[in-house]
Each structure stands twice: as structure tokens, then as C-alpha cells.
């Protein structure tokens, strides 16, 4: 009888231990599912950020080309303005001489 009681107590302790281990296992499975879900979300965010970065890089290259073109246009227009300004100044210098000759 004593032996049976001891066996029943051992079985009860073993069942309790198994229940605790099963609870731990379920908790770990839940944490694993949450971690996998978080990992998947983070991978999606990384992919989106990489796509955004690539789009921005392309836009940057296009804007740099446009900037370079516009700078060249400004330089050409500045040179043209200086040439026209010098030509205008030369005309203004010649104008009084022509006016004086015409009155002689």
C-alpha cells in the first residue's frame, strides 16, 4: 500500500513537471511565432526602405544632371551677357564720336 501511494505521488509529481514543461513549451512557441512575425515585418520594412533608397538615388542622379545642365546654361548666358554688355559699351563710346563728326 505504501508503495502504491509512493508511486501515485511520483506520477503526480511527474504530471506536474510535464504540465510545467508543456506551459514553458507553449510560451516558447508563442514567443517564436511573435519573433518570426516581427522578423517578417522587419524584412518587409527593410525591402521597402531599400526600394525607397534606390528611388531616391535615381532621383538624385537625375537632379544632379539637371543641376549640371543648368549651371552650364547660367555660365553660357553670363558669358553672352558680358559680350553684349561690352558691345553696348563700345557702341556708346562710338556714338558721341559719330555725333560730333555729323555736326562738323
PDB file of N, CA and C in Angstrom:
ATOM      1  N   UNK A   1       0.824  -1.184   0.000  1.00  0.00           N
ATOM      2  CA  UNK A   1       0.000   0.000   0.000  1.00  0.00           C
ATOM      3  C   UNK A   1       0.875   1.257   0.000  1.00  0.00           C
ATOM      4  N   UNK A   2       1.874   1.262   0.853  1.00  0.00           N
ATOM      5  CA  UNK A   2       2.808   2.369   0.935  1.00  0.00           C
ATOM      6  C   UNK A   2       3.491   2.575  -0.409  1.00  0.00           C
ATOM      7  N   UNK A   3       3.811   1.479  -1.036  1.00  0.00           N
ATOM      8  CA  UNK A   3       4.476   1.508  -2.327  1.00  0.00           C
ATOM      9  C   UNK A   3       3.547   2.118  -3.386  1.00  0.00           C
ATOM     10  N   UNK A   4       2.260   1.795  -3.324  1.00  0.00           N
ATOM     11  CA  UNK A   4       1.294   2.338  -4.264  1.00  0.00           C
ATOM     12  C   UNK A   4       1.134   3.841  -4.061  1.00  0.00           C
ATOM     13  N   UNK A   5       1.106   4.261  -2.811  1.00  0.00           N
ATOM     14  CA  UNK A   5       0.977   5.689  -2.502  1.00  0.00           C
ATOM     15  C   UNK A   5       2.207   6.422  -3.032  1.00  0.00           C
ATOM     16  N   UNK A   6       3.370   5.829  -2.836  1.00  0.00           N
ATOM     17  CA  UNK A   6       4.621   6.438  -3.329  1.00  0.00           C
ATOM     18  C   UNK A   6       4.589   6.552  -4.849  1.00  0.00           C
ATOM     19  N   UNK A   7       4.116   5.503  -5.531  1.00  0.00           N
ATOM     20  CA  UNK A   7       4.029   5.522  -6.988  1.00  0.00           C
ATOM     21  C   UNK A   7       3.052   6.596  -7.467  1.00  0.00           C
ATOM     22  N   UNK A   8       1.901   6.712  -6.751  1.00  0.00           N
ATOM     23  CA  UNK A   8       0.909   7.718  -7.129  1.00  0.00           C
ATOM     24  C   UNK A   8       1.472   9.128  -6.947  1.00  0.00           C
ATOM     25  N   UNK A   9       2.255   9.331  -5.900  1.00  0.00           N
ATOM     26  CA  UNK A   9       2.887  10.628  -5.665  1.00  0.00           C
ATOM     27  C   UNK A   9       3.926  10.925  -6.752  1.00  0.00           C
ATOM     28  N   UNK A  10       4.670   9.875  -7.122  1.00  0.00           N
ATOM     29  CA  UNK A  10       5.658  10.044  -8.195  1.00  0.00           C
ATOM     30  C   UNK A  10       4.969  10.404  -9.509  1.00  0.00           C
ATOM     31  N   UNK A  11       3.855   9.737  -9.788  1.00  0.00           N
ATOM     32  CA  UNK A  11       3.102  10.012 -11.009  1.00  0.00           C
ATOM     33  C   UNK A  11       2.575  11.448 -10.971  1.00  0.00           C
ATOM     34  N   UNK A  12       2.075  11.865  -9.815  1.00  0.00           N
ATOM     35  CA  UNK A  12       1.543  13.219  -9.673  1.00  0.00           C
ATOM     36  C   UNK A  12       2.647  14.256  -9.883  1.00  0.00           C
ATOM     37  N   UNK A  13       3.809  14.030  -9.286  1.00  0.00           N
ATOM     38  CA  UNK A  13       4.940  14.951  -9.464  1.00  0.00           C
ATOM     39  C   UNK A  13       5.372  14.992 -10.929  1.00  0.00           C
ATOM     40  N   UNK A  14       5.409  13.833 -11.571  1.00  0.00           N
ATOM     41  CA  UNK A  14       5.806  13.754 -12.976  1.00  0.00           C
ATOM     42  C   UNK A  14       4.798  14.488 -13.843  1.00  0.00           C
ATOM     43  N   UNK A  15       3.498  14.307 -13.557  1.00  0.00           N
ATOM     44  CA  UNK A  15       2.469  15.002 -14.332  1.00  0.00           C
ATOM     45  C   UNK A  15       2.570  16.522 -14.136  1.00  0.00           C
ATOM     46  N   UNK A  16       2.854  16.928 -12.908  1.00  0.00           N
ATOM     47  CA  UNK A  16       3.024  18.354 -12.634  1.00  0.00           C
ATOM     48  C   UNK A  16       4.232  18.889 -13.400  1.00  0.00           C
ATOM     49  N   UNK A  17       5.317  18.149 -13.361  1.00  0.00           N
ATOM     50  CA  UNK A  17       6.524  18.565 -14.083  1.00  0.00           C
ATOM     51  C   UNK A  17       6.241  18.639 -15.585  1.00  0.00           C
ATOM     52  N   UNK A  18       5.502  17.645 -16.097  1.00  0.00           N
ATOM     53  CA  UNK A  18       5.165  17.645 -17.519  1.00  0.00           C
ATOM     54  C   UNK A  18       4.293  18.857 -17.848  1.00  0.00           C
ATOM     55  N   UNK A  19       3.338  19.174 -16.977  1.00  0.00           N
ATOM     56  CA  UNK A  19       2.476  20.340 -17.197  1.00  0.00           C
ATOM     57  C   UNK A  19       3.298  21.623 -17.240  1.00  0.00           C
ATOM     58  N   UNK A  20       4.254  21.758 -16.331  1.00  0.00           N
ATOM     59  CA  UNK A  20       5.111  22.950 -16.290  1.00  0.00           C
ATOM     60  C   UNK A  20       5.939  23.038 -17.575  1.00  0.00           C
ATOM     61  N   UNK A  21       6.496  21.914 -17.995  1.00  0.00           N
ATOM     62  CA  UNK A  21       7.305  21.888 -19.209  1.00  0.00           C
ATOM     63  C   UNK A  21       6.428  22.215 -20.421  1.00  0.00           C
ATOM     64  N   UNK A  22       5.200  21.693 -20.464  1.00  0.00           N
ATOM     65  CA  UNK A  22       4.291  21.983 -21.574  1.00  0.00           C
ATOM     66  C   UNK A  22       3.932  23.478 -21.612  1.00  0.00           C
ATOM     67  N   UNK A  23       3.706  24.062 -20.451  1.00  0.00           N
ATOM     68  CA  UNK A  23       3.430  25.502 -20.388  1.00  0.00           C
ATOM     69  C   UNK A  23       4.629  26.299 -20.897  1.00  0.00           C
ATOM     70  N   UNK A  24       5.813  25.904 -20.456  1.00  0.00           N
ATOM     71  CA  UNK A  24       7.030  26.570 -20.947  1.00  0.00           C
ATOM     72  C   UNK A  24       7.172  26.409 -22.458  1.00  0.00           C
ATOM     73  N   UNK A  25       6.899  25.201 -22.939  1.00  0.00           N
ATOM     74  CA  UNK A  25       6.979  24.930 -24.367  1.00  0.00           C
ATOM     75  C   UNK A  25       5.981  25.805 -25.137  1.00  0.00           C
ATOM     76  N   UNK A  26       4.750  25.890 -24.632  1.00  0.00           N
ATOM     77  CA  UNK A  26       3.742  26.731 -25.287  1.00  0.00           C
ATOM     78  C   UNK A  26       4.153  28.198 -25.279  1.00  0.00           C
ATOM     79  N   UNK A  27       4.713  28.656 -24.160  1.00  0.00           N
ATOM     80  CA  UNK A  27       5.186  30.036 -24.072  1.00  0.00           C
ATOM     81  C   UNK A  27       6.312  30.275 -25.076  1.00  0.00           C
ATOM     82  N   UNK A  28       7.252  29.348 -25.165  1.00  0.00           N
ATOM     83  CA  UNK A  28       8.357  29.485 -26.121  1.00  0.00           C
ATOM     84  C   UNK A  28       7.854  29.445 -27.564  1.00  0.00           C
ATOM     85  N   UNK A  29       6.859  28.605 -27.834  1.00  0.00           N
ATOM     86  CA  UNK A  29       6.287  28.566 -29.193  1.00  0.00           C
ATOM     87  C   UNK A  29       5.624  29.892 -29.525  1.00  0.00           C
ATOM     88  N   UNK A  30       4.930  30.452 -28.548  1.00  0.00           N
ATOM     89  CA  UNK A  30       4.273  31.743 -28.755  1.00  0.00           C
ATOM     90  C   UNK A  30       5.309  32.833 -29.018  1.00  0.00           C
ATOM     91  N   UNK A  31       6.372  32.829 -28.229  1.00  0.00           N
ATOM     92  CA  UNK A  31       7.445  33.801 -28.437  1.00  0.00           C
ATOM     93  C   UNK A  31       8.104  33.609 -29.804  1.00  0.00           C
ATOM     94  N   UNK A  32       8.283  32.369 -30.214  1.00  0.00           N
ATOM     95  CA  UNK A  32       8.880  32.079 -31.516  1.00  0.00           C
ATOM     96  C   UNK A  32       7.989  32.600 -32.638  1.00  0.00           C
ATOM     97  N   UNK A  33       6.670  32.379 -32.527  1.00  0.00           N
ATOM     98  CA  UNK A  33       5.747  32.901 -33.542  1.00  0.00           C
ATOM     99  C   UNK A  33       5.821  34.427 -33.595  1.00  0.00           C
ATOM    100  N   UNK A  34       5.846  35.060 -32.419  1.00  0.00           N
ATOM    101  CA  UNK A  34       5.934  36.524 -32.372  1.00  0.00           C
ATOM    102  C   UNK A  34       7.257  36.995 -32.987  1.00  0.00           C
ATOM    103  N   UNK A  35       8.338  36.314 -32.686  1.00  0.00           N
ATOM    104  CA  UNK A  35       9.644  36.680 -33.240  1.00  0.00           C
ATOM    105  C   UNK A  35       9.662  36.519 -34.750  1.00  0.00           C
ATOM    106  N   UNK A  36       9.077  35.435 -35.235  1.00  0.00           N
ATOM    107  CA  UNK A  36       9.024  35.216 -36.684  1.00  0.00           C
ATOM    108  C   UNK A  36       8.184  36.292 -37.363  1.00  0.00           C
ATOM    109  N   UNK A  37       7.074  36.642 -36.722  1.00  0.00           N
ATOM    110  CA  UNK A  37       6.222  37.691 -37.282  1.00  0.00           C
ATOM    111  C   UNK A  37       6.961  39.023 -37.309  1.00  0.00           C
ATOM    112  N   UNK A  38       7.651  39.339 -36.220  1.00  0.00           N
ATOM    113  CA  UNK A  38       8.433  40.578 -36.154  1.00  0.00           C
ATOM    114  C   UNK A  38       9.535  40.569 -37.208  1.00  0.00           C
ATOM    115  N   UNK A  39      10.193  39.427 -37.356  1.00  0.00           N
ATOM    116  CA  UNK A  39      11.259  39.306 -38.352  1.00  0.00           C
ATOM    117  C   UNK A  39      10.697  39.545 -39.747  1.00  0.00           C
ATOM    118  N   UNK A  40       9.551  38.958 -40.033  1.00  0.00           N
ATOM    119  CA  UNK A  40       8.927  39.130 -41.349  1.00  0.00           C
ATOM    120  C   UNK A  40       8.570  40.601 -41.587  1.00  0.00           C
ATOM    121  N   UNK A  41       8.007  41.241 -40.567  1.00  0.00           N
ATOM    122  CA  UNK A  41       7.666  42.666 -40.686  1.00  0.00           C
ATOM    123  C   UNK A  41       8.914  43.514 -40.922  1.00  0.00           C
ATOM    124  N   UNK A  42       9.970  43.221 -40.181  1.00  0.00           N
ATOM    125  CA  UNK A  42      11.216  43.971 -40.340  1.00  0.00           C
ATOM    126  C   UNK A  42      11.822  43.749 -41.724  1.00  0.00           C
ATOM    127  N   UNK A  43      11.751  42.520 -42.223  1.00  0.00           N
ATOM    128  CA  UNK A  43      12.267  42.249 -43.566  1.00  0.00           C
ATOM    129  C   UNK A  43      11.468  43.026 -44.606  1.00  0.00           C
ATOM    130  N   UNK A  44      10.144  43.110 -44.414  1.00  0.00           N
ATOM    131  CA  UNK A  44       9.311  43.896 -45.335  1.00  0.00           C
ATOM    132  C   UNK A  44       9.693  45.371 -45.274  1.00  0.00           C
ATOM    133  N   UNK A  45       9.917  45.878 -44.069  1.00  0.00           N
ATOM    134  CA  UNK A  45      10.317  47.280 -43.916  1.00  0.00           C
ATOM    135  C   UNK A  45      11.677  47.530 -44.552  1.00  0.00           C
ATOM    136  N   UNK A  46      12.600  46.602 -44.385  1.00  0.00           N
ATOM    137  CA  UNK A  46      13.928  46.732 -44.993  1.00  0.00           C
ATOM    138  C   UNK A  46      13.796  46.773 -46.506  1.00  0.00           C
ATOM    139  N   UNK A  47      12.975  45.891 -47.069  1.00  0.00           N
ATOM    140  CA  UNK A  47      12.769  45.863 -48.520  1.00  0.00           C
ATOM    141  C   UNK A  47      12.197  47.194 -48.995  1.00  0.00           C
ATOM    142  N   UNK A  48      11.200  47.718 -48.267  1.00  0.00           N
ATOM    143  CA  UNK A  48      10.593  48.992 -48.644  1.00  0.00           C
ATOM    144  C   UNK A  48      11.624  50.118 -48.567  1.00  0.00           C
ATOM    145  N   UNK A  49      12.415  50.134 -47.504  1.00  0.00           N
ATOM    146  CA  UNK A  49      13.438  51.166 -47.361  1.00  0.00           C
ATOM    147  C   UNK A  49      14.492  51.069 -48.467  1.00  0.00           C
ATOM    148  N   UNK A  50      14.855  49.850 -48.841  1.00  0.00           N
ATOM    149  CA  UNK A  50      15.818  49.683 -49.934  1.00  0.00           C
ATOM    150  C   UNK A  50      15.226  50.189 -51.246  1.00  0.00           C
ATOM    151  N   UNK A  51      13.945  49.885 -51.479  1.00  0.00           N
ATOM    152  CA  UNK A  51      13.284  50.391 -52.689  1.00  0.00           C
ATOM    153  C   UNK A  51      13.242  51.917 -52.676  1.00  0.00           C
ATOM    154  N   UNK A  52      12.891  52.487 -51.511  1.00  0.00           N
ATOM    155  CA  UNK A  52      12.864  53.952 -51.381  1.00  0.00           C
ATOM    156  C   UNK A  52      14.244  54.544 -51.624  1.00  0.00           C
ATOM    157  N   UNK A  53      15.259  53.911 -51.065  1.00  0.00           N
ATOM    158  CA  UNK A  53      16.628  54.395 -51.242  1.00  0.00           C
ATOM    159  C   UNK A  53      17.016  54.367 -52.718  1.00  0.00           C
ATOM    160  N   UNK A  54      16.671  53.283 -53.403  1.00  0.00           N
ATOM    161  CA  UNK A  54      17.001  53.181 -54.826  1.00  0.00           C
ATOM    162  C   UNK A  54      16.269  54.248 -55.636  1.00  0.00           C
ATOM    163  N   UNK A  55      15.005  54.489 -55.293  1.00  0.00           N
ATOM    164  CA  UNK A  55      14.247  55.536 -55.990  1.00  0.00           C
ATOM    165  C   UNK A  55      14.872  56.906 -55.745  1.00  0.00           C
ATOM    166  N   UNK A  56      15.242  57.162 -54.497  1.00  0.00           N
ATOM    167  CA  UNK A  56      15.855  58.447 -54.166  1.00  0.00           C
ATOM    168  C   UNK A  56      17.213  58.600 -54.836  1.00  0.00           C
ATOM    169  N   UNK A  57      17.949  57.508 -54.930  1.00  0.00           N
ATOM    170  CA  UNK A  57      19.254  57.556 -55.600  1.00  0.00           C
ATOM    171  C   UNK A  57      19.074  57.906 -57.072  1.00  0.00           C
ATOM    172  N   UNK A  58      18.065  57.302 -57.700  1.00  0.00           N
ATOM    173  CA  UNK A  58      17.791  57.607 -59.106  1.00  0.00           C
ATOM    174  C   UNK A  58      17.390  59.071 -59.267  1.00  0.00           C
ATOM    175  N   UNK A  59      16.537  59.532 -58.366  1.00  0.00           N
ATOM    176  CA  UNK A  59      16.114  60.935 -58.427  1.00  0.00           C
ATOM    177  C   UNK A  59      17.310  61.855 -58.218  1.00  0.00           C
ATOM    178  N   UNK A  60      18.192  61.480 -57.310  1.00  0.00           N
ATOM    179  CA  UNK A  60      19.387  62.288 -57.040  1.00  0.00           C
ATOM    180  C   UNK A  60      20.243  62.406 -58.295  1.00  0.00           C
ATOM    181  N   UNK A  61      20.458  61.291 -58.979  1.00  0.00           N
ATOM    182  CA  UNK A  61      21.273  61.305 -60.196  1.00  0.00           C
ATOM    183  C   UNK A  61      20.632  62.220 -61.238  1.00  0.00           C
ATOM    184  N   UNK A  62      19.309  62.101 -61.386  1.00  0.00           N
ATOM    185  CA  UNK A  62      18.619  62.960 -62.344  1.00  0.00           C
ATOM    186  C   UNK A  62      18.737  64.430 -61.985  1.00  0.00           C
ATOM    187  N   UNK A  63      18.585  64.737 -60.703  1.00  0.00           N
ATOM    188  CA  UNK A  63      18.687  66.130 -60.264  1.00  0.00           C
ATOM    189  C   UNK A  63      20.115  66.661 -60.386  1.00  0.00           C
ATOM    190  N   UNK A  64      21.087  65.814 -60.154  1.00  0.00           N
ATOM    191  CA  UNK A  64      22.484  66.242 -60.332  1.00  0.00           C
ATOM    192  C   UNK A  64      22.759  66.564 -61.800  1.00  0.00           C
ATOM    193  N   UNK A  65      22.220  65.738 -62.709  1.00  0.00           N
ATOM    194  CA  UNK A  65      22.386  66.017 -64.142  1.00  0.00           C
ATOM    195  C   UNK A  65      21.703  67.331 -64.507  1.00  0.00           C
ATOM    196  N   UNK A  66      20.491  67.524 -64.005  1.00  0.00           N
ATOM    197  CA  UNK A  66      19.771  68.764 -64.286  1.00  0.00           C
ATOM    198  C   UNK A  66      20.523  69.967 -63.721  1.00  0.00           C
ATOM    199  N   UNK A  67      21.061  69.816 -62.531  1.00  0.00           N
ATOM    200  CA  UNK A  67      21.836  70.895 -61.899  1.00  0.00           C
ATOM    201  C   UNK A  67      23.053  71.248 -62.755  1.00  0.00           C
ATOM    202  N   UNK A  68      23.751  70.230 -63.223  1.00  0.00           N
ATOM    203  CA  UNK A  68      24.935  70.441 -64.058  1.00  0.00           C
ATOM    204  C   UNK A  68      24.542  71.175 -65.351  1.00  0.00           C
ATOM    205  N   UNK A  69      23.456  70.745 -65.962  1.00  0.00           N
ATOM    206  CA  UNK A  69      22.985  71.390 -67.190  1.00  0.00           C
ATOM    207  C   UNK A  69      22.622  72.850 -66.938  1.00  0.00           C
ATOM    208  N   UNK A  70      21.910  73.095 -65.850  1.00  0.00           N
ATOM    209  CA  UNK A  70      21.511  74.466 -65.534  1.00  0.00           C
ATOM    210  C   UNK A  70      22.713  75.347 -65.222  1.00  0.00           C
ATOM    211  N   UNK A  71      23.701  74.814 -64.556  1.00  0.00           N
ATOM    212  CA  UNK A  71      24.918  75.583 -64.281  1.00  0.00           C
ATOM    213  C   UNK A  71      25.637  75.946 -65.585  1.00  0.00           C
ATOM    214  N   UNK A  72      25.661  74.996 -66.510  1.00  0.00           N
ATOM    215  CA  UNK A  72      26.284  75.278 -67.804  1.00  0.00           C
ATOM    216  C   UNK A  72      25.514  76.376 -68.538  1.00  0.00           C
ATOM    217  N   UNK A  73      24.189  76.321 -68.476  1.00  0.00           N
ATOM    218  CA  UNK A  73      23.380  77.357 -69.123  1.00  0.00           C
ATOM    219  C   UNK A  73      23.640  78.723 -68.496  1.00  0.00           C
ATOM    220  N   UNK A  74      23.724  78.757 -67.155  1.00  0.00           N
ATOM    221  CA  UNK A  74      23.999  80.022 -66.471  1.00  0.00           C
ATOM    222  C   UNK A  74      25.350  80.557 -66.901  1.00  0.00           C
ATOM    223  N   UNK A  75      26.339  79.694 -67.002  1.00  0.00           N
ATOM    224  CA  UNK A  75      27.674  80.126 -67.413  1.00  0.00           C
ATOM    225  C   UNK A  75      27.652  80.682 -68.835  1.00  0.00           C
ATOM    226  N   UNK A  76      26.971  79.974 -69.734  1.00  0.00           N
ATOM    227  CA  UNK A  76      26.886  80.439 -71.129  1.00  0.00           C
ATOM    228  C   UNK A  76      26.145  81.764 -71.204  1.00  0.00           C
ATOM    229  N   UNK A  77      25.022  81.867 -70.488  1.00  0.00           N
ATOM    230  CA  UNK A  77      24.252  83.113 -70.513  1.00  0.00           C
ATOM    231  C   UNK A  77      25.031  84.261 -69.885  1.00  0.00           C
ATOM    232  N   UNK A  78      25.820  83.990 -68.856  1.00  0.00           N
ATOM    233  CA  UNK A  78      26.650  85.030 -68.246  1.00  0.00           C
ATOM    234  C   UNK A  78      27.688  85.531 -69.238  1.00  0.00           C
ATOM    235  N   UNK A  79      28.325  84.603 -69.948  1.00  0.00           N
ATOM    236  CA  UNK A  79      29.312  84.999 -70.957  1.00  0.00           C
ATOM    237  C   UNK A  79      28.648  85.812 -72.069  1.00  0.00           C
ATOM    238  N   UNK A  80      27.475  85.377 -72.506  1.00  0.00           N
ATOM    239  CA  UNK A  80      26.749  86.101 -73.549  1.00  0.00           C
ATOM    240  C   UNK A  80      26.369  87.493 -73.068  1.00  0.00           C
ATOM    241  N   UNK A  81      25.936  87.592 -71.823  1.00  0.00           N
ATOM    242  CA  UNK A  81      25.578  88.896 -71.256  1.00  0.00           C
ATOM    243  C   UNK A  81      26.797  89.818 -71.234  1.00  0.00           C
ATOM    244  N   UNK A  82      27.935  89.279 -70.809  1.00  0.00           N
ATOM    245  CA  UNK A  82      29.158  90.094 -70.760  1.00  0.00           C
ATOM    246  C   UNK A  82      29.555  90.563 -72.155  1.00  0.00           C
ATOM    247  N   UNK A  83      29.429  89.689 -73.142  1.00  0.00           N
ATOM    248  CA  UNK A  83      29.762  90.076 -74.518  1.00  0.00           C
ATOM    249  C   UNK A  83      28.838  91.190 -75.007  1.00  0.00           C
ATOM    250  N   UNK A  84      27.550  91.046 -74.743  1.00  0.00           N
ATOM    251  CA  UNK A  84      26.589  92.070 -75.181  1.00  0.00           C
ATOM    252  C   UNK A  84      26.809  93.377 -74.418  1.00  0.00           C
ATOM    253  N   UNK A  85      27.150  93.271 -73.155  1.00  0.00           N
ATOM    254  CA  UNK A  85      27.424  94.467 -72.354  1.00  0.00           C
ATOM    255  C   UNK A  85      28.630  95.203 -72.913  1.00  0.00           C
ATOM    256  N   UNK A  86      29.685  94.466 -73.278  1.00  0.00           N
ATOM    257  CA  UNK A  86      30.876  95.090 -73.852  1.00  0.00           C
ATOM    258  C   UNK A  86      30.558  95.714 -75.208  1.00  0.00           C
ATOM    259  N   UNK A  87      29.754  95.021 -76.008  1.00  0.00           N
ATOM    260  CA  UNK A  87      29.377  95.574 -77.318  1.00  0.00           C
ATOM    261  C   UNK A  87      28.560  96.844 -77.135  1.00  0.00           C
ATOM    262  N   UNK A  88      27.686  96.863 -76.169  1.00  0.00           N
ATOM    263  CA  UNK A  88      26.874  98.049 -75.902  1.00  0.00           C
ATOM    264  C   UNK A  88      27.760  99.208 -75.450  1.00  0.00           C
ATOM    265  N   UNK A  89      28.722  98.906 -74.589  1.00  0.00           N
ATOM    266  CA  UNK A  89      29.638  99.963 -74.129  1.00  0.00           C
ATOM    267  C   UNK A  89      30.456 100.510 -75.301  1.00  0.00           C
ATOM    268  N   UNK A  90      30.892  99.645 -76.201  1.00  0.00           N
ATOM    269  CA  UNK A  90      31.638 100.093 -77.391  1.00  0.00           C
ATOM    270  C   UNK A  90      30.764 100.979 -78.266  1.00  0.00           C
ATOM    271  N   UNK A  91      29.494 100.620 -78.426  1.00  0.00           N
ATOM    272  CA  UNK A  91      28.573 101.434 -79.230  1.00  0.00           C
ATOM    273  C   UNK A  91      28.374 102.800 -78.585  1.00  0.00           C
ATOM    274  N   UNK A  92      28.275 102.810 -77.273  1.00  0.00           N
ATOM    275  CA  UNK A  92      28.072 104.088 -76.583  1.00  0.00           C
ATOM    276  C   UNK A  92      29.316 104.970 -76.694  1.00  0.00           C
ATOM    277  N   UNK A  93      30.485 104.372 -76.752  1.00  0.00           N
ATOM    278  CA  UNK A  93      31.722 105.146 -76.906  1.00  0.00           C
ATOM    279  C   UNK A  93      31.797 105.733 -78.313  1.00  0.00           C
ATOM    280  N   UNK A  94      31.323 104.965 -79.290  1.00  0.00           N
ATOM    281  CA  UNK A  94      31.382 105.422 -80.674  1.00  0.00           C
ATOM    282  C   UNK A  94      30.301 106.440 -80.992  1.00  0.00           C
ATOM    283  N   UNK A  95      29.218 106.386 -80.286  1.00  0.00           N
ATOM    284  CA  UNK A  95      28.093 107.271 -80.567  1.00  0.00           C
ATOM    285  C   UNK A  95      28.450 108.746 -80.434  1.00  0.00           C
ATOM    286  N   UNK A  96      29.101 109.195 -79.384  1.00  0.00           N
ATOM    287  CA  UNK A  96      29.470 110.615 -79.311  1.00  0.00           C
ATOM    288  C   UNK A  96      30.428 111.033 -80.433  1.00  0.00           C
ATOM    289  N   UNK A  97      31.335 110.157 -80.833  1.00  0.00           N
ATOM    290  CA  UNK A  97      32.282 110.484 -81.916  1.00  0.00           C
ATOM    291  C   UNK A  97      31.512 110.667 -83.216  1.00  0.00           C
ATOM    292  N   UNK A  98      30.578 109.811 -83.502  1.00  0.00           N
ATOM    293  CA  UNK A  98      29.770 109.930 -84.709  1.00  0.00           C
ATOM    294  C   UNK A  98      28.908 111.160 -84.658  1.00  0.00           C
ATOM    295  N   UNK A  99      28.419 111.508 -83.511  1.00  0.00           N
ATOM    296  CA  UNK A  99      27.572 112.690 -83.344  1.00  0.00           C
ATOM    297  C   UNK A  99      28.401 113.968 -83.581  1.00  0.00           C
ATOM    298  N   UNK A 100      29.625 113.962 -83.098  1.00  0.00           N
ATOM    299  CA  UNK A 100      30.494 115.109 -83.277  1.00  0.00           C
ATOM    300  C   UNK A 100      30.856 115.249 -84.742  1.00  0.00           C
ATOM    301  N   UNK A 101      31.168 114.202 -85.446  1.00  0.00           N
ATOM    302  CA  UNK A 101      31.535 114.245 -86.862  1.00  0.00           C
ATOM    303  C   UNK A 101      30.357 114.732 -87.715  1.00  0.00           C
ATOM    304  N   UNK A 102      29.176 114.313 -87.358  1.00  0.00           N
ATOM    305  CA  UNK A 102      27.997 114.707 -88.110  1.00  0.00           C
ATOM    306  C   UNK A 102      27.709 116.193 -88.028  1.00  0.00           C
ATOM    307  N   UNK A 103      28.122 116.830 -86.981  1.00  0.00           N
ATOM    308  CA  UNK A 103      27.839 118.270 -86.825  1.00  0.00           C
ATOM    309  C   UNK A 103      28.925 119.128 -87.430  1.00  0.00           C
ATOM    310  N   UNK A 104      30.024 118.581 -87.842  1.00  0.00           N
ATOM    311  CA  UNK A 104      31.115 119.369 -88.423  1.00  0.00           C
ATOM    312  C   UNK A 104      30.815 119.756 -89.817  1.00  0.00           C
TER     313      UNK A 104
END
